Amino acid sequence: MNTHHYLILIALCPTLSFAQTGGGKTGNLGNEDINVIKEYQPVLNDAFKINISPG
């Protein structure tokens, strides 16, 4: 890469570091009431092994 590419990369690094700031919003997510209808029942399905031999 030549010097021009390095200058562009250096110019974009500070811009990318502020890319996910939330648009000026502070850390307040607000309040929300949630009504739980029934208890969560997680289910884990059976797994299967892929039998592939290298070579």
PDB file of N, CA and C in Angstrom:
ATOM      1  N   MET A   1       0.841  -1.187   0.000  1.00  0.00           N
ATOM      2  CA  MET A   1       0.000   0.000   0.000  1.00  0.00           C
ATOM      3  C   MET A   1       0.881   1.243   0.000  1.00  0.00           C
ATOM      4  N   ASN A   2       0.392   2.211  -0.657  1.00  0.00           N
ATOM      5  CA  ASN A   2       1.155   3.447  -0.682  1.00  0.00           C
ATOM      6  C   ASN A   2       0.700   4.387   0.438  1.00  0.00           C
ATOM      7  N   THR A   3       1.305   5.528   0.525  1.00  0.00           N
ATOM      8  CA  THR A   3       1.049   6.488   1.604  1.00  0.00           C
ATOM      9  C   THR A   3      -0.399   6.986   1.582  1.00  0.00           C
ATOM     10  N   HIS A   4      -0.980   7.105   0.413  1.00  0.00           N
ATOM     11  CA  HIS A   4      -2.358   7.579   0.287  1.00  0.00           C
ATOM     12  C   HIS A   4      -3.321   6.644   1.014  1.00  0.00           C
ATOM     13  N   HIS A   5      -3.130   5.333   0.870  1.00  0.00           N
ATOM     14  CA  HIS A   5      -3.987   4.357   1.549  1.00  0.00           C
ATOM     15  C   HIS A   5      -3.831   4.447   3.067  1.00  0.00           C
ATOM     16  N   TYR A   6      -2.627   4.638   3.542  1.00  0.00           N
ATOM     17  CA  TYR A   6      -2.400   4.760   4.986  1.00  0.00           C
ATOM     18  C   TYR A   6      -3.076   6.012   5.543  1.00  0.00           C
ATOM     19  N   LEU A   7      -3.029   7.102   4.811  1.00  0.00           N
ATOM     20  CA  LEU A   7      -3.667   8.334   5.277  1.00  0.00           C
ATOM     21  C   LEU A   7      -5.186   8.171   5.365  1.00  0.00           C
ATOM     22  N   ILE A   8      -5.771   7.494   4.405  1.00  0.00           N
ATOM     23  CA  ILE A   8      -7.218   7.242   4.443  1.00  0.00           C
ATOM     24  C   ILE A   8      -7.566   6.343   5.627  1.00  0.00           C
ATOM     25  N   LEU A   9      -6.771   5.329   5.863  1.00  0.00           N
ATOM     26  CA  LEU A   9      -7.005   4.416   6.989  1.00  0.00           C
ATOM     27  C   LEU A   9      -6.907   5.150   8.319  1.00  0.00           C
ATOM     28  N   ILE A  10      -5.907   6.003   8.469  1.00  0.00           N
ATOM     29  CA  ILE A  10      -5.737   6.776   9.698  1.00  0.00           C
ATOM     30  C   ILE A  10      -6.900   7.755   9.870  1.00  0.00           C
ATOM     31  N   ALA A  11      -7.405   8.310   8.788  1.00  0.00           N
ATOM     32  CA  ALA A  11      -8.522   9.258   8.874  1.00  0.00           C
ATOM     33  C   ALA A  11      -9.824   8.564   9.253  1.00  0.00           C
ATOM     34  N   LEU A  12     -10.015   7.301   8.847  1.00  0.00           N
ATOM     35  CA  LEU A  12     -11.255   6.589   9.126  1.00  0.00           C
ATOM     36  C   LEU A  12     -11.285   5.939  10.503  1.00  0.00           C
ATOM     37  N   CYS A  13     -10.167   5.652  11.109  1.00  0.00           N
ATOM     38  CA  CYS A  13     -10.139   4.972  12.408  1.00  0.00           C
ATOM     39  C   CYS A  13     -10.895   5.728  13.500  1.00  0.00           C
ATOM     40  N   PRO A  14     -10.695   7.034  13.690  1.00  0.00           N
ATOM     41  CA  PRO A  14     -11.489   7.732  14.716  1.00  0.00           C
ATOM     42  C   PRO A  14     -12.980   7.746  14.395  1.00  0.00           C
ATOM     43  N   THR A  15     -13.333   7.810  13.126  1.00  0.00           N
ATOM     44  CA  THR A  15     -14.733   7.808  12.734  1.00  0.00           C
ATOM     45  C   THR A  15     -15.390   6.484  13.085  1.00  0.00           C
ATOM     46  N   LEU A  16     -14.714   5.381  12.852  1.00  0.00           N
ATOM     47  CA  LEU A  16     -15.270   4.066  13.141  1.00  0.00           C
ATOM     48  C   LEU A  16     -15.386   3.806  14.629  1.00  0.00           C
ATOM     49  N   SER A  17     -14.558   4.426  15.440  1.00  0.00           N
ATOM     50  CA  SER A  17     -14.617   4.187  16.881  1.00  0.00           C
ATOM     51  C   SER A  17     -15.870   4.791  17.504  1.00  0.00           C
ATOM     52  N   PHE A  18     -16.510   5.773  16.842  1.00  0.00           N
ATOM     53  CA  PHE A  18     -17.740   6.384  17.350  1.00  0.00           C
ATOM     54  C   PHE A  18     -18.971   5.865  16.613  1.00  0.00           C
ATOM     55  N   ALA A  19     -18.853   4.786  15.891  1.00  0.00           N
ATOM     56  CA  ALA A  19     -19.942   4.321  15.041  1.00  0.00           C
ATOM     57  C   ALA A  19     -21.130   3.798  15.835  1.00  0.00           C
ATOM     58  N   GLN A  20     -20.946   3.315  17.070  1.00  0.00           N
ATOM     59  CA  GLN A  20     -22.047   2.718  17.817  1.00  0.00           C
ATOM     60  C   GLN A  20     -22.297   3.448  19.128  1.00  0.00           C
ATOM     61  N   THR A  21     -22.358   4.755  19.095  1.00  0.00           N
ATOM     62  CA  THR A  21     -22.566   5.522  20.321  1.00  0.00           C
ATOM     63  C   THR A  21     -24.030   5.634  20.691  1.00  0.00           C
ATOM     64  N   GLY A  22     -24.964   5.274  19.833  1.00  0.00           N
ATOM     65  CA  GLY A  22     -26.377   5.350  20.152  1.00  0.00           C
ATOM     66  C   GLY A  22     -27.032   6.633  19.697  1.00  0.00           C
ATOM     67  N   GLY A  23     -26.411   7.385  18.879  1.00  0.00           N
ATOM     68  CA  GLY A  23     -27.008   8.593  18.330  1.00  0.00           C
ATOM     69  C   GLY A  23     -27.181   9.705  19.337  1.00  0.00           C
ATOM     70  N   GLY A  24     -26.297   9.821  20.317  1.00  0.00           N
ATOM     71  CA  GLY A  24     -26.369  10.871  21.302  1.00  0.00           C
ATOM     72  C   GLY A  24     -27.217  10.529  22.509  1.00  0.00           C
ATOM     73  N   LYS A  25     -27.824   9.354  22.535  1.00  0.00           N
ATOM     74  CA  LYS A  25     -28.645   8.953  23.671  1.00  0.00           C
ATOM     75  C   LYS A  25     -27.752   8.501  24.812  1.00  0.00           C
ATOM     76  N   THR A  26     -28.189   8.786  26.036  1.00  0.00           N
ATOM     77  CA  THR A  26     -27.447   8.292  27.188  1.00  0.00           C
ATOM     78  C   THR A  26     -27.899   6.875  27.501  1.00  0.00           C
ATOM     79  N   GLY A  27     -27.389   6.269  28.553  1.00  0.00           N
ATOM     80  CA  GLY A  27     -27.632   4.870  28.870  1.00  0.00           C
ATOM     81  C   GLY A  27     -28.997   4.532  29.426  1.00  0.00           C
ATOM     82  N   ASN A  28     -29.988   5.423  29.380  1.00  0.00           N
ATOM     83  CA  ASN A  28     -31.305   5.132  29.910  1.00  0.00           C
ATOM     84  C   ASN A  28     -32.126   4.351  28.894  1.00  0.00           C
ATOM     85  N   LEU A  29     -32.519   3.128  29.254  1.00  0.00           N
ATOM     86  CA  LEU A  29     -33.304   2.294  28.345  1.00  0.00           C
ATOM     87  C   LEU A  29     -34.798   2.477  28.555  1.00  0.00           C
ATOM     88  N   GLY A  30     -35.207   3.131  29.649  1.00  0.00           N
ATOM     89  CA  GLY A  30     -36.620   3.362  29.893  1.00  0.00           C
ATOM     90  C   GLY A  30     -37.212   2.261  30.759  1.00  0.00           C
ATOM     91  N   ASN A  31     -38.517   2.370  30.999  1.00  0.00           N
ATOM     92  CA  ASN A  31     -39.231   1.392  31.815  1.00  0.00           C
ATOM     93  C   ASN A  31     -40.272   0.687  30.970  1.00  0.00           C
ATOM     94  N   GLU A  32     -40.420  -0.612  31.220  1.00  0.00           N
ATOM     95  CA  GLU A  32     -41.416  -1.379  30.498  1.00  0.00           C
ATOM     96  C   GLU A  32     -41.893  -2.499  31.398  1.00  0.00           C
ATOM     97  N   ASP A  33     -43.210  -2.659  31.517  1.00  0.00           N
ATOM     98  CA  ASP A  33     -43.784  -3.745  32.301  1.00  0.00           C
ATOM     99  C   ASP A  33     -43.939  -4.969  31.423  1.00  0.00           C
ATOM    100  N   ILE A  34     -43.600  -6.127  31.988  1.00  0.00           N
ATOM    101  CA  ILE A  34     -43.694  -7.390  31.261  1.00  0.00           C
ATOM    102  C   ILE A  34     -44.552  -8.340  32.074  1.00  0.00           C
ATOM    103  N   ASN A  35     -45.574  -8.894  31.447  1.00  0.00           N
ATOM    104  CA  ASN A  35     -46.433  -9.880  32.087  1.00  0.00           C
ATOM    105  C   ASN A  35     -45.986 -11.270  31.672  1.00  0.00           C
ATOM    106  N   VAL A  36     -45.573 -12.077  32.647  1.00  0.00           N
ATOM    107  CA  VAL A  36     -45.129 -13.436  32.370  1.00  0.00           C
ATOM    108  C   VAL A  36     -46.354 -14.332  32.365  1.00  0.00           C
ATOM    109  N   ILE A  37     -46.604 -14.987  31.244  1.00  0.00           N
ATOM    110  CA  ILE A  37     -47.788 -15.831  31.106  1.00  0.00           C
ATOM    111  C   ILE A  37     -47.524 -17.228  31.658  1.00  0.00           C
ATOM    112  N   LYS A  38     -46.388 -17.800  31.330  1.00  0.00           N
ATOM    113  CA  LYS A  38     -46.023 -19.110  31.859  1.00  0.00           C
ATOM    114  C   LYS A  38     -44.511 -19.192  31.968  1.00  0.00           C
ATOM    115  N   GLU A  39     -44.039 -20.155  32.721  1.00  0.00           N
ATOM    116  CA  GLU A  39     -42.609 -20.317  32.944  1.00  0.00           C
ATOM    117  C   GLU A  39     -41.927 -20.799  31.669  1.00  0.00           C
ATOM    118  N   TYR A  40     -40.720 -20.293  31.428  1.00  0.00           N
ATOM    119  CA  TYR A  40     -39.947 -20.675  30.239  1.00  0.00           C
ATOM    120  C   TYR A  40     -39.452 -22.105  30.388  1.00  0.00           C
ATOM    121  N   GLN A  41     -39.653 -22.931  29.388  1.00  0.00           N
ATOM    122  CA  GLN A  41     -39.222 -24.323  29.389  1.00  0.00           C
ATOM    123  C   GLN A  41     -38.245 -24.540  28.232  1.00  0.00           C
ATOM    124  N   PRO A  42     -36.936 -24.426  28.504  1.00  0.00           N
ATOM    125  CA  PRO A  42     -35.969 -24.611  27.412  1.00  0.00           C
ATOM    126  C   PRO A  42     -35.914 -26.067  26.957  1.00  0.00           C
ATOM    127  N   VAL A  43     -35.698 -26.258  25.668  1.00  0.00           N
ATOM    128  CA  VAL A  43     -35.637 -27.596  25.083  1.00  0.00           C
ATOM    129  C   VAL A  43     -34.327 -27.715  24.326  1.00  0.00           C
ATOM    130  N   LEU A  44     -33.611 -28.794  24.579  1.00  0.00           N
ATOM    131  CA  LEU A  44     -32.361 -29.073  23.876  1.00  0.00           C
ATOM    132  C   LEU A  44     -32.575 -30.290  22.988  1.00  0.00           C
ATOM    133  N   ASN A  45     -32.500 -30.076  21.681  1.00  0.00           N
ATOM    134  CA  ASN A  45     -32.702 -31.176  20.743  1.00  0.00           C
ATOM    135  C   ASN A  45     -31.497 -32.106  20.739  1.00  0.00           C
ATOM    136  N   ASP A  46     -31.731 -33.359  20.332  1.00  0.00           N
ATOM    137  CA  ASP A  46     -30.649 -34.324  20.228  1.00  0.00           C
ATOM    138  C   ASP A  46     -29.671 -33.892  19.142  1.00  0.00           C
ATOM    139  N   ALA A  47     -28.405 -34.115  19.395  1.00  0.00           N
ATOM    140  CA  ALA A  47     -27.364 -33.785  18.428  1.00  0.00           C
ATOM    141  C   ALA A  47     -26.949 -35.045  17.675  1.00  0.00           C
ATOM    142  N   PHE A  48     -26.369 -34.857  16.515  1.00  0.00           N
ATOM    143  CA  PHE A  48     -25.835 -35.993  15.772  1.00  0.00           C
ATOM    144  C   PHE A  48     -24.439 -35.640  15.286  1.00  0.00           C
ATOM    145  N   LYS A  49     -23.584 -36.635  15.239  1.00  0.00           N
ATOM    146  CA  LYS A  49     -22.206 -36.447  14.846  1.00  0.00           C
ATOM    147  C   LYS A  49     -22.064 -36.666  13.332  1.00  0.00           C
ATOM    148  N   ILE A  50     -21.360 -35.752  12.708  1.00  0.00           N
ATOM    149  CA  ILE A  50     -21.052 -35.906  11.282  1.00  0.00           C
ATOM    150  C   ILE A  50     -19.799 -36.743  11.174  1.00  0.00           C
ATOM    151  N   ASN A  51     -19.923 -37.882  10.548  1.00  0.00           N
ATOM    152  CA  ASN A  51     -18.805 -38.823  10.461  1.00  0.00           C
ATOM    153  C   ASN A  51     -18.080 -38.630   9.119  1.00  0.00           C
ATOM    154  N   ILE A  52     -17.100 -37.741   9.109  1.00  0.00           N
ATOM    155  CA  ILE A  52     -16.310 -37.472   7.910  1.00  0.00           C
ATOM    156  C   ILE A  52     -14.845 -37.736   8.249  1.00  0.00           C
ATOM    157  N   SER A  53     -14.241 -38.582   7.465  1.00  0.00           N
ATOM    158  CA  SER A  53     -12.812 -38.860   7.704  1.00  0.00           C
ATOM    159  C   SER A  53     -11.979 -37.987   6.777  1.00  0.00           C
ATOM    160  N   PRO A  54     -10.889 -37.415   7.295  1.00  0.00           N
ATOM    161  CA  PRO A  54     -10.034 -36.573   6.454  1.00  0.00           C
ATOM    162  C   PRO A  54      -9.324 -37.381   5.380  1.00  0.00           C
ATOM    163  N   GLY A  55      -9.073 -36.723   4.307  1.00  0.00           N
ATOM    164  CA  GLY A  55      -8.259 -37.393   3.319  1.00  0.00           C
ATOM    165  C   GLY A  55      -8.832 -37.367   2.017  1.00  0.00           C
TER     166      GLY A  55
END
